[in-house]
Amino acid sequence: MTGQVRTVDGRVAGRRGQATRQKLLDCLGEMLSTSPYRDVKVIDVARKAGTSPATFYQYFPDVEGAVLDIAEEMAKEGAALTDLVSGRSWAGKAGWQTAEELVDGFLSFWRRHDAILRVVDLGAAEGDKRFYKIRMKILSAVTNSLTESVRELQAKGRFDKDVNPAAIAGSLVAMLAAVASHQKGFQTWGVKQAEIKPSLALLVHLGITGRKPAK
């Protein structure tokens, strides 16, 4: 975390205060991975961090405020997913590699942040604009890069010009997000984790290029 860290009343937190604040966030993140979001209480987070509720309230107005802090940091990392697409080639074997690395990066990101992403999805589904903006910040970065990839292929005459690039890109990213959030559920259908990636990569490659990949 960079920049000044302030308490709820606007004071700049010192090094010790920043460490305490980060420990509270780390403990909250761990609790979200094992407990339903609405069951997590301030007193439980404070106890796990070895401090008091009063200290928690120095840095966050409530659990939701702390969750939003974690989500914002996660969104910054998620924006880097665009590096898996921006400036990459979709031609020949390089195109297949681009599709594979995008899928791998997307699924890995979702697994790392599964707990907080579930909370973000819940908040967004309930109409909370703060969580909705965070979700869109993560997905828009990749969507915009894929949109540009389709436009470049259209300009080269390698993709149907009647297709809306943003519609294709948005549909593919929505698919990636849905599959990523349901990775464990595939086991009930007899699908192994190792089989998800190549299947998704194939769909992404077909969606962006309109062609089967050259492996």
C-alpha atoms as a PDB file:
ATOM      1  CA  MET A   1       0.000   0.000   0.000  1.00  0.00           C
ATOM      2  CA  THR A   2       1.443   3.407  -0.997  1.00  0.00           C
ATOM      3  CA  GLY A   3       0.711   6.969   0.044  1.00  0.00           C
ATOM      4  CA  GLN A   4      -0.394   8.322   3.380  1.00  0.00           C
ATOM      5  CA  VAL A   5      -2.708   6.224   5.518  1.00  0.00           C
ATOM      6  CA  ARG A   6      -5.185   8.214   7.568  1.00  0.00           C
ATOM      7  CA  THR A   7      -7.391   7.337  10.496  1.00  0.00           C
ATOM      8  CA  VAL A   8     -11.148   7.836  10.392  1.00  0.00           C
ATOM      9  CA  ASP A   9     -10.762  11.294  11.979  1.00  0.00           C
ATOM     10  CA  GLY A  10      -8.230  12.379   9.361  1.00  0.00           C
ATOM     11  CA  ARG A  11      -4.947  11.957  11.240  1.00  0.00           C
ATOM     12  CA  VAL A  12      -1.965  10.528   9.355  1.00  0.00           C
ATOM     13  CA  ALA A  13      -1.128   7.087  10.732  1.00  0.00           C
ATOM     14  CA  GLY A  14       2.458   6.401  11.718  1.00  0.00           C
ATOM     15  CA  ARG A  15       4.394   3.278  10.813  1.00  0.00           C
ATOM     16  CA  ARG A  16       3.008   1.352  13.773  1.00  0.00           C
ATOM     17  CA  GLY A  17      -0.519   2.482  12.999  1.00  0.00           C
ATOM     18  CA  GLN A  18      -0.160   1.457   9.362  1.00  0.00           C
ATOM     19  CA  ALA A  19       1.040  -1.980  10.454  1.00  0.00           C
ATOM     20  CA  THR A  20      -1.944  -2.352  12.788  1.00  0.00           C
ATOM     21  CA  ARG A  21      -4.330  -1.270  10.050  1.00  0.00           C
ATOM     22  CA  GLN A  22      -2.834  -3.755   7.584  1.00  0.00           C
ATOM     23  CA  LYS A  23      -3.026  -6.542  10.151  1.00  0.00           C
ATOM     24  CA  LEU A  24      -6.729  -5.822  10.635  1.00  0.00           C
ATOM     25  CA  LEU A  25      -7.252  -6.023   6.871  1.00  0.00           C
ATOM     26  CA  ASP A  26      -5.260  -9.261   6.627  1.00  0.00           C
ATOM     27  CA  CYS A  27      -7.274 -10.838   9.450  1.00  0.00           C
ATOM     28  CA  LEU A  28     -10.535  -9.701   7.876  1.00  0.00           C
ATOM     29  CA  GLY A  29      -9.478 -11.210   4.553  1.00  0.00           C
ATOM     30  CA  GLU A  30      -8.739 -14.542   6.237  1.00  0.00           C
ATOM     31  CA  MET A  31     -12.109 -14.513   7.991  1.00  0.00           C
ATOM     32  CA  LEU A  32     -13.984 -13.825   4.766  1.00  0.00           C
ATOM     33  CA  SER A  33     -12.511 -17.012   3.296  1.00  0.00           C
ATOM     34  CA  THR A  34     -14.130 -19.137   6.018  1.00  0.00           C
ATOM     35  CA  SER A  35     -17.180 -17.161   7.183  1.00  0.00           C
ATOM     36  CA  PRO A  36     -20.161 -15.553   5.423  1.00  0.00           C
ATOM     37  CA  TYR A  37     -19.564 -11.828   4.957  1.00  0.00           C
ATOM     38  CA  ARG A  38     -22.525 -10.750   7.074  1.00  0.00           C
ATOM     39  CA  ASP A  39     -21.436 -12.963   9.961  1.00  0.00           C
ATOM     40  CA  VAL A  40     -18.101 -11.191  10.369  1.00  0.00           C
ATOM     41  CA  LYS A  41     -18.184  -8.742  13.294  1.00  0.00           C
ATOM     42  CA  VAL A  42     -15.783  -5.974  14.288  1.00  0.00           C
ATOM     43  CA  ILE A  43     -15.060  -7.558  17.647  1.00  0.00           C
ATOM     44  CA  ASP A  44     -14.083 -10.842  15.963  1.00  0.00           C
ATOM     45  CA  VAL A  45     -11.719  -9.121  13.530  1.00  0.00           C
ATOM     46  CA  ALA A  46     -10.135  -7.111  16.347  1.00  0.00           C
ATOM     47  CA  ARG A  47      -9.711 -10.193  18.516  1.00  0.00           C
ATOM     48  CA  LYS A  48      -8.076 -12.126  15.685  1.00  0.00           C
ATOM     49  CA  ALA A  49      -5.691  -9.216  15.091  1.00  0.00           C
ATOM     50  CA  GLY A  50      -4.839  -9.075  18.789  1.00  0.00           C
ATOM     51  CA  THR A  51      -6.284  -5.619  19.296  1.00  0.00           C
ATOM     52  CA  SER A  52      -9.545  -3.944  20.354  1.00  0.00           C
ATOM     53  CA  PRO A  53     -12.731  -2.817  18.562  1.00  0.00           C
ATOM     54  CA  ALA A  54     -11.790   0.766  19.481  1.00  0.00           C
ATOM     55  CA  THR A  55      -8.584   0.375  17.488  1.00  0.00           C
ATOM     56  CA  PHE A  56     -10.521  -1.056  14.550  1.00  0.00           C
ATOM     57  CA  TYR A  57     -12.783   1.988  14.534  1.00  0.00           C
ATOM     58  CA  GLN A  58      -9.759   4.267  14.393  1.00  0.00           C
ATOM     59  CA  TYR A  59      -9.163   3.066  10.841  1.00  0.00           C
ATOM     60  CA  PHE A  60     -12.528   1.894   9.520  1.00  0.00           C
ATOM     61  CA  PRO A  61     -16.144   3.010  10.076  1.00  0.00           C
ATOM     62  CA  ASP A  62     -17.344  -0.606  10.029  1.00  0.00           C
ATOM     63  CA  VAL A  63     -16.617  -4.033   8.530  1.00  0.00           C
ATOM     64  CA  GLU A  64     -18.046  -2.962   5.180  1.00  0.00           C
ATOM     65  CA  GLY A  65     -15.652  -0.010   5.052  1.00  0.00           C
ATOM     66  CA  ALA A  66     -12.703  -2.319   5.645  1.00  0.00           C
ATOM     67  CA  VAL A  67     -13.975  -4.728   3.004  1.00  0.00           C
ATOM     68  CA  LEU A  68     -14.144  -1.872   0.493  1.00  0.00           C
ATOM     69  CA  ASP A  69     -10.521  -1.042   1.284  1.00  0.00           C
ATOM     70  CA  ILE A  70      -9.461  -4.617   0.535  1.00  0.00           C
ATOM     71  CA  ALA A  71     -11.565  -4.607  -2.632  1.00  0.00           C
ATOM     72  CA  GLU A  72     -10.001  -1.373  -3.883  1.00  0.00           C
ATOM     73  CA  GLU A  73      -6.497  -2.791  -3.480  1.00  0.00           C
ATOM     74  CA  MET A  74      -7.585  -5.953  -5.267  1.00  0.00           C
ATOM     75  CA  ALA A  75      -9.032  -3.888  -8.132  1.00  0.00           C
ATOM     76  CA  LYS A  76      -5.646  -2.218  -8.637  1.00  0.00           C
ATOM     77  CA  GLU A  77      -4.071  -5.636  -9.073  1.00  0.00           C
ATOM     78  CA  GLY A  78      -6.917  -6.697 -11.358  1.00  0.00           C
ATOM     79  CA  ALA A  79      -6.262  -3.753 -13.664  1.00  0.00           C
ATOM     80  CA  ALA A  80      -2.888  -5.329 -14.453  1.00  0.00           C
ATOM     81  CA  LEU A  81      -4.707  -8.182 -16.203  1.00  0.00           C
ATOM     82  CA  THR A  82      -4.798  -5.918 -19.238  1.00  0.00           C
ATOM     83  CA  ASP A  83      -1.055  -6.620 -19.654  1.00  0.00           C
ATOM     84  CA  LEU A  84      -2.013 -10.146 -20.730  1.00  0.00           C
ATOM     85  CA  VAL A  85      -3.782  -8.684 -23.783  1.00  0.00           C
ATOM     86  CA  SER A  86      -2.409  -5.244 -24.570  1.00  0.00           C
ATOM     87  CA  GLY A  87       0.099  -5.335 -27.411  1.00  0.00           C
ATOM     88  CA  ARG A  88      -0.099  -9.115 -27.723  1.00  0.00           C
ATOM     89  CA  SER A  89      -0.408 -10.927 -31.047  1.00  0.00           C
ATOM     90  CA  TRP A  90      -3.448 -13.013 -31.988  1.00  0.00           C
ATOM     91  CA  ALA A  91      -1.834 -14.477 -35.096  1.00  0.00           C
ATOM     92  CA  GLY A  92      -0.790 -18.112 -35.438  1.00  0.00           C
ATOM     93  CA  LYS A  93       0.707 -19.909 -32.456  1.00  0.00           C
ATOM     94  CA  ALA A  94       1.250 -16.581 -30.694  1.00  0.00           C
ATOM     95  CA  GLY A  95      -2.519 -16.079 -30.696  1.00  0.00           C
ATOM     96  CA  TRP A  96      -3.078 -19.377 -28.932  1.00  0.00           C
ATOM     97  CA  GLN A  97      -0.438 -18.473 -26.359  1.00  0.00           C
ATOM     98  CA  THR A  98      -2.150 -15.125 -25.754  1.00  0.00           C
ATOM     99  CA  ALA A  99      -5.482 -16.859 -25.181  1.00  0.00           C
ATOM    100  CA  GLU A 100      -3.917 -19.410 -22.824  1.00  0.00           C
ATOM    101  CA  GLU A 101      -2.068 -16.813 -20.757  1.00  0.00           C
ATOM    102  CA  LEU A 102      -5.143 -14.588 -20.490  1.00  0.00           C
ATOM    103  CA  VAL A 103      -7.256 -17.472 -19.219  1.00  0.00           C
ATOM    104  CA  ASP A 104      -4.552 -18.656 -16.836  1.00  0.00           C
ATOM    105  CA  GLY A 105      -4.046 -15.158 -15.446  1.00  0.00           C
ATOM    106  CA  PHE A 106      -7.761 -14.542 -15.075  1.00  0.00           C
ATOM    107  CA  LEU A 107      -8.465 -17.813 -13.273  1.00  0.00           C
ATOM    108  CA  SER A 108      -5.415 -17.389 -11.020  1.00  0.00           C
ATOM    109  CA  PHE A 109      -6.475 -13.870 -10.061  1.00  0.00           C
ATOM    110  CA  TRP A 110      -9.955 -15.115  -9.189  1.00  0.00           C
ATOM    111  CA  ARG A 111      -8.617 -17.960  -7.058  1.00  0.00           C
ATOM    112  CA  ARG A 112      -6.302 -15.627  -5.133  1.00  0.00           C
ATOM    113  CA  HIS A 113      -9.123 -13.224  -4.338  1.00  0.00           C
ATOM    114  CA  ASP A 114     -12.067 -15.601  -4.277  1.00  0.00           C
ATOM    115  CA  ALA A 115     -13.334 -14.538  -0.843  1.00  0.00           C
ATOM    116  CA  ILE A 116     -13.363 -10.793  -1.470  1.00  0.00           C
ATOM    117  CA  LEU A 117     -14.667 -11.215  -5.020  1.00  0.00           C
ATOM    118  CA  ARG A 118     -17.673 -13.101  -3.657  1.00  0.00           C
ATOM    119  CA  VAL A 119     -18.412 -10.135  -1.394  1.00  0.00           C
ATOM    120  CA  VAL A 120     -17.971  -7.705  -4.288  1.00  0.00           C
ATOM    121  CA  ASP A 121     -20.338  -9.761  -6.451  1.00  0.00           C
ATOM    122  CA  LEU A 122     -22.890  -9.883  -3.643  1.00  0.00           C
ATOM    123  CA  GLY A 123     -22.745  -6.144  -3.078  1.00  0.00           C
ATOM    124  CA  ALA A 124     -22.966  -5.417  -6.805  1.00  0.00           C
ATOM    125  CA  ALA A 125     -25.935  -7.795  -7.206  1.00  0.00           C
ATOM    126  CA  GLU A 126     -27.719  -6.010  -4.361  1.00  0.00           C
ATOM    127  CA  GLY A 127     -27.310  -2.689  -6.127  1.00  0.00           C
ATOM    128  CA  ASP A 128     -24.478  -1.208  -4.058  1.00  0.00           C
ATOM    129  CA  LYS A 129     -22.796   1.172  -6.506  1.00  0.00           C
ATOM    130  CA  ARG A 130     -19.518   1.120  -4.596  1.00  0.00           C
ATOM    131  CA  PHE A 131     -19.089  -2.623  -5.130  1.00  0.00           C
ATOM    132  CA  TYR A 132     -20.443  -2.381  -8.676  1.00  0.00           C
ATOM    133  CA  LYS A 133     -17.771   0.199  -9.583  1.00  0.00           C
ATOM    134  CA  ILE A 134     -15.037  -2.007  -8.163  1.00  0.00           C
ATOM    135  CA  ARG A 135     -16.272  -5.003 -10.144  1.00  0.00           C
ATOM    136  CA  MET A 136     -16.430  -2.963 -13.334  1.00  0.00           C
ATOM    137  CA  LYS A 137     -12.952  -1.541 -12.704  1.00  0.00           C
ATOM    138  CA  ILE A 138     -11.568  -5.078 -12.721  1.00  0.00           C
ATOM    139  CA  LEU A 139     -13.505  -6.278 -15.758  1.00  0.00           C
ATOM    140  CA  SER A 140     -13.279  -3.077 -17.821  1.00  0.00           C
ATOM    141  CA  ALA A 141      -9.491  -3.157 -18.017  1.00  0.00           C
ATOM    142  CA  VAL A 142      -9.487  -6.522 -19.811  1.00  0.00           C
ATOM    143  CA  THR A 143     -12.608  -5.711 -21.824  1.00  0.00           C
ATOM    144  CA  ASN A 144     -11.080  -2.531 -23.218  1.00  0.00           C
ATOM    145  CA  SER A 145      -7.885  -4.322 -24.226  1.00  0.00           C
ATOM    146  CA  LEU A 146      -9.791  -7.131 -25.952  1.00  0.00           C
ATOM    147  CA  THR A 147     -11.999  -4.570 -27.673  1.00  0.00           C
ATOM    148  CA  GLU A 148      -8.902  -2.929 -29.109  1.00  0.00           C
ATOM    149  CA  SER A 149      -7.596  -6.329 -30.255  1.00  0.00           C
ATOM    150  CA  VAL A 150     -10.796  -6.969 -32.213  1.00  0.00           C
ATOM    151  CA  ARG A 151     -10.676  -3.503 -33.768  1.00  0.00           C
ATOM    152  CA  GLU A 152      -7.110  -4.083 -34.914  1.00  0.00           C
ATOM    153  CA  LEU A 153      -8.087  -7.377 -36.517  1.00  0.00           C
ATOM    154  CA  GLN A 154     -11.047  -5.687 -38.221  1.00  0.00           C
ATOM    155  CA  ALA A 155      -8.744  -2.983 -39.590  1.00  0.00           C
ATOM    156  CA  LYS A 156      -6.559  -5.716 -41.085  1.00  0.00           C
ATOM    157  CA  GLY A 157      -9.571  -7.401 -42.673  1.00  0.00           C
ATOM    158  CA  ARG A 158      -9.205 -10.463 -40.463  1.00  0.00           C
ATOM    159  CA  PHE A 159     -12.480 -10.079 -38.564  1.00  0.00           C
ATOM    160  CA  ASP A 160     -16.094  -9.386 -39.566  1.00  0.00           C
ATOM    161  CA  LYS A 161     -16.489  -5.585 -39.657  1.00  0.00           C
ATOM    162  CA  ASP A 162     -20.202  -5.833 -38.853  1.00  0.00           C
ATOM    163  CA  VAL A 163     -19.452  -7.204 -35.380  1.00  0.00           C
ATOM    164  CA  ASN A 164     -19.309  -4.772 -32.456  1.00  0.00           C
ATOM    165  CA  PRO A 165     -15.839  -5.209 -30.889  1.00  0.00           C
ATOM    166  CA  ALA A 166     -17.006  -4.145 -27.423  1.00  0.00           C
ATOM    167  CA  ALA A 167     -19.874  -6.626 -27.542  1.00  0.00           C
ATOM    168  CA  ILE A 168     -17.526  -9.496 -28.374  1.00  0.00           C
ATOM    169  CA  ALA A 169     -14.966  -8.449 -25.755  1.00  0.00           C
ATOM    170  CA  GLY A 170     -17.574  -7.845 -23.061  1.00  0.00           C
ATOM    171  CA  SER A 171     -19.214 -11.206 -23.691  1.00  0.00           C
ATOM    172  CA  LEU A 172     -15.893 -13.036 -23.431  1.00  0.00           C
ATOM    173  CA  VAL A 173     -14.904 -11.259 -20.208  1.00  0.00           C
ATOM    174  CA  ALA A 174     -18.326 -11.936 -18.678  1.00  0.00           C
ATOM    175  CA  MET A 175     -17.840 -15.595 -19.566  1.00  0.00           C
ATOM    176  CA  LEU A 176     -14.376 -15.634 -17.981  1.00  0.00           C
ATOM    177  CA  ALA A 177     -15.708 -14.023 -14.791  1.00  0.00           C
ATOM    178  CA  ALA A 178     -18.611 -16.466 -14.555  1.00  0.00           C
ATOM    179  CA  VAL A 179     -16.409 -19.516 -15.051  1.00  0.00           C
ATOM    180  CA  ALA A 180     -13.721 -18.167 -12.716  1.00  0.00           C
ATOM    181  CA  SER A 181     -16.237 -17.691  -9.917  1.00  0.00           C
ATOM    182  CA  HIS A 182     -17.585 -21.204 -10.454  1.00  0.00           C
ATOM    183  CA  GLN A 183     -14.316 -23.138 -10.735  1.00  0.00           C
ATOM    184  CA  LYS A 184     -15.076 -25.497  -7.861  1.00  0.00           C
ATOM    185  CA  GLY A 185     -18.554 -26.192  -9.199  1.00  0.00           C
ATOM    186  CA  PHE A 186     -17.208 -27.807 -12.365  1.00  0.00           C
ATOM    187  CA  GLN A 187     -16.198 -30.832 -10.327  1.00  0.00           C
ATOM    188  CA  THR A 188     -19.877 -31.709  -9.842  1.00  0.00           C
ATOM    189  CA  TRP A 189     -20.136 -32.021 -13.625  1.00  0.00           C
ATOM    190  CA  GLY A 190     -17.115 -34.297 -13.776  1.00  0.00           C
ATOM    191  CA  VAL A 191     -14.874 -31.578 -15.203  1.00  0.00           C
ATOM    192  CA  LYS A 192     -11.326 -31.468 -13.865  1.00  0.00           C
ATOM    193  CA  GLN A 193      -9.621 -28.138 -13.133  1.00  0.00           C
ATOM    194  CA  ALA A 194      -6.957 -28.912 -15.742  1.00  0.00           C
ATOM    195  CA  GLU A 195      -9.667 -29.259 -18.407  1.00  0.00           C
ATOM    196  CA  ILE A 196     -11.181 -25.827 -17.813  1.00  0.00           C
ATOM    197  CA  LYS A 197      -8.233 -23.753 -19.049  1.00  0.00           C
ATOM    198  CA  PRO A 198      -7.836 -25.191 -22.572  1.00  0.00           C
ATOM    199  CA  SER A 199     -11.597 -25.116 -23.111  1.00  0.00           C
ATOM    200  CA  LEU A 200     -11.810 -21.469 -22.095  1.00  0.00           C
ATOM    201  CA  ALA A 201      -8.729 -20.582 -24.136  1.00  0.00           C
ATOM    202  CA  LEU A 202     -10.330 -22.160 -27.202  1.00  0.00           C
ATOM    203  CA  LEU A 203     -13.519 -20.117 -26.746  1.00  0.00           C
ATOM    204  CA  VAL A 204     -11.544 -16.910 -26.216  1.00  0.00           C
ATOM    205  CA  HIS A 205      -9.399 -17.541 -29.295  1.00  0.00           C
ATOM    206  CA  LEU A 206     -12.448 -18.320 -31.438  1.00  0.00           C
ATOM    207  CA  GLY A 207     -14.234 -15.244 -30.103  1.00  0.00           C
ATOM    208  CA  ILE A 208     -11.369 -12.862 -30.842  1.00  0.00           C
ATOM    209  CA  THR A 209     -10.087 -14.313 -34.134  1.00  0.00           C
ATOM    210  CA  GLY A 210     -13.040 -16.301 -35.466  1.00  0.00           C
ATOM    211  CA  ARG A 211     -10.616 -19.126 -36.203  1.00  0.00           C
ATOM    212  CA  LYS A 212      -9.359 -22.321 -34.636  1.00  0.00           C
ATOM    213  CA  PRO A 213      -6.005 -21.838 -32.931  1.00  0.00           C
ATOM    214  CA  ALA A 214      -2.732 -22.925 -34.470  1.00  0.00           C
ATOM    215  CA  LYS A 215      -1.106 -24.955 -31.693  1.00  0.00           C
END
